[in-house]
Amino acid sequence: MICREEWSSLRSLCRGILKDGIVDETEAHDLKSWLRQHPDIHVTETGNRLCGLIDRSLRDGVLDVDERIQLEDLLEELAEI
């Protein structure tokens, strides 16, 4: 079961990633790594969407413009901005 602290941590991580207005590949890989360390996030609908998007976006090793925009939109939703 996901705990409140994990959601709070994920929200903070999303806000930090969005702080400069651009999600870069390093940040996307860091987020993917964080998600692997917090598997309970995957059981929620939003967490599952995020994990799927990260996996698809980084599959080819390149975060293209469309993937970046989709990721930024979802991170804004998660960060509650």
Protein backbone atom coordinates (compact mmCIF):
# COMPACT_ATOMS: atom_id res chain seq x y z
CA MET A 1 0.00 0.00 0.00
CA ILE A 2 1.26 3.43 -0.89
CA CYS A 3 1.83 5.76 2.02
CA ARG A 4 1.32 9.48 2.27
CA GLU A 5 5.07 10.07 2.57
CA GLU A 6 5.69 8.40 -0.80
CA TRP A 7 3.10 10.61 -2.51
CA SER A 8 4.58 13.66 -0.83
CA SER A 9 8.06 12.64 -1.95
CA LEU A 10 6.84 12.06 -5.52
CA ARG A 11 5.08 15.45 -5.55
CA SER A 12 8.28 17.14 -4.38
CA LEU A 13 10.31 15.29 -7.00
CA CYS A 14 7.88 16.37 -9.73
CA ARG A 15 8.04 19.99 -8.58
CA GLY A 16 11.83 19.88 -8.60
CA ILE A 17 11.91 18.44 -12.10
CA LEU A 18 9.50 21.11 -13.35
CA LYS A 19 11.26 23.97 -11.58
CA ASP A 20 13.28 25.06 -14.62
CA GLY A 21 10.38 24.48 -17.00
CA ILE A 22 12.02 21.65 -18.94
CA VAL A 23 12.14 17.92 -18.28
CA ASP A 24 15.47 16.64 -19.52
CA GLU A 25 16.60 13.05 -20.05
CA THR A 26 18.66 12.96 -16.86
CA GLU A 27 15.63 14.01 -14.82
CA ALA A 28 13.47 11.43 -16.59
CA HIS A 29 16.01 8.69 -15.80
CA ASP A 30 16.21 9.87 -12.18
CA LEU A 31 12.42 9.71 -11.95
CA LYS A 32 12.41 6.22 -13.45
CA SER A 33 14.98 5.14 -10.87
CA TRP A 34 12.89 6.64 -8.04
CA LEU A 35 9.81 4.81 -9.31
CA ARG A 36 11.72 1.51 -9.30
CA GLN A 37 12.62 2.10 -5.65
CA HIS A 38 8.95 2.79 -4.79
CA PRO A 39 6.98 -0.01 -6.47
CA ASP A 40 3.81 0.73 -4.49
CA ILE A 41 3.32 3.80 -6.69
CA HIS A 42 2.64 1.48 -9.63
CA VAL A 43 -0.58 0.15 -8.11
CA THR A 44 -2.35 3.50 -8.37
CA GLU A 45 -3.89 4.65 -11.63
CA THR A 46 -1.78 7.80 -11.81
CA GLY A 47 1.37 5.97 -10.76
CA ASN A 48 0.75 3.32 -13.38
CA ARG A 49 0.26 6.00 -16.06
CA LEU A 50 3.51 7.67 -15.01
CA CYS A 51 5.49 4.42 -15.02
CA GLY A 52 4.13 3.49 -18.43
CA LEU A 53 4.88 6.91 -19.87
CA ILE A 54 8.43 6.93 -18.49
CA ASP A 55 9.10 3.44 -19.84
CA ARG A 56 7.75 4.26 -23.31
CA SER A 57 9.50 7.63 -23.41
CA LEU A 58 12.93 6.26 -22.52
CA ARG A 59 12.68 2.98 -24.43
CA ASP A 60 14.74 4.31 -27.35
CA GLY A 61 17.09 6.26 -25.07
CA VAL A 62 15.87 9.63 -26.36
CA LEU A 63 13.25 11.88 -24.79
CA ASP A 64 11.73 13.59 -27.83
CA VAL A 65 9.62 16.75 -27.83
CA ASP A 66 6.23 15.00 -27.78
CA GLU A 67 7.31 12.66 -24.98
CA ARG A 68 8.70 15.60 -23.02
CA ILE A 69 5.40 17.50 -23.32
CA GLN A 70 3.36 14.47 -22.23
CA LEU A 71 5.68 13.91 -19.29
CA GLU A 72 5.58 17.58 -18.27
CA ASP A 73 1.75 17.52 -18.36
CA LEU A 74 1.56 14.45 -16.16
CA LEU A 75 4.20 15.77 -13.75
CA GLU A 76 2.24 19.02 -13.41
CA GLU A 77 -0.85 16.97 -12.57
CA LEU A 78 1.09 14.98 -9.97
CA ALA A 79 2.76 18.06 -8.55
CA GLU A 80 -0.65 19.70 -8.28
CA ILE A 81 0.52 22.87 -10.00
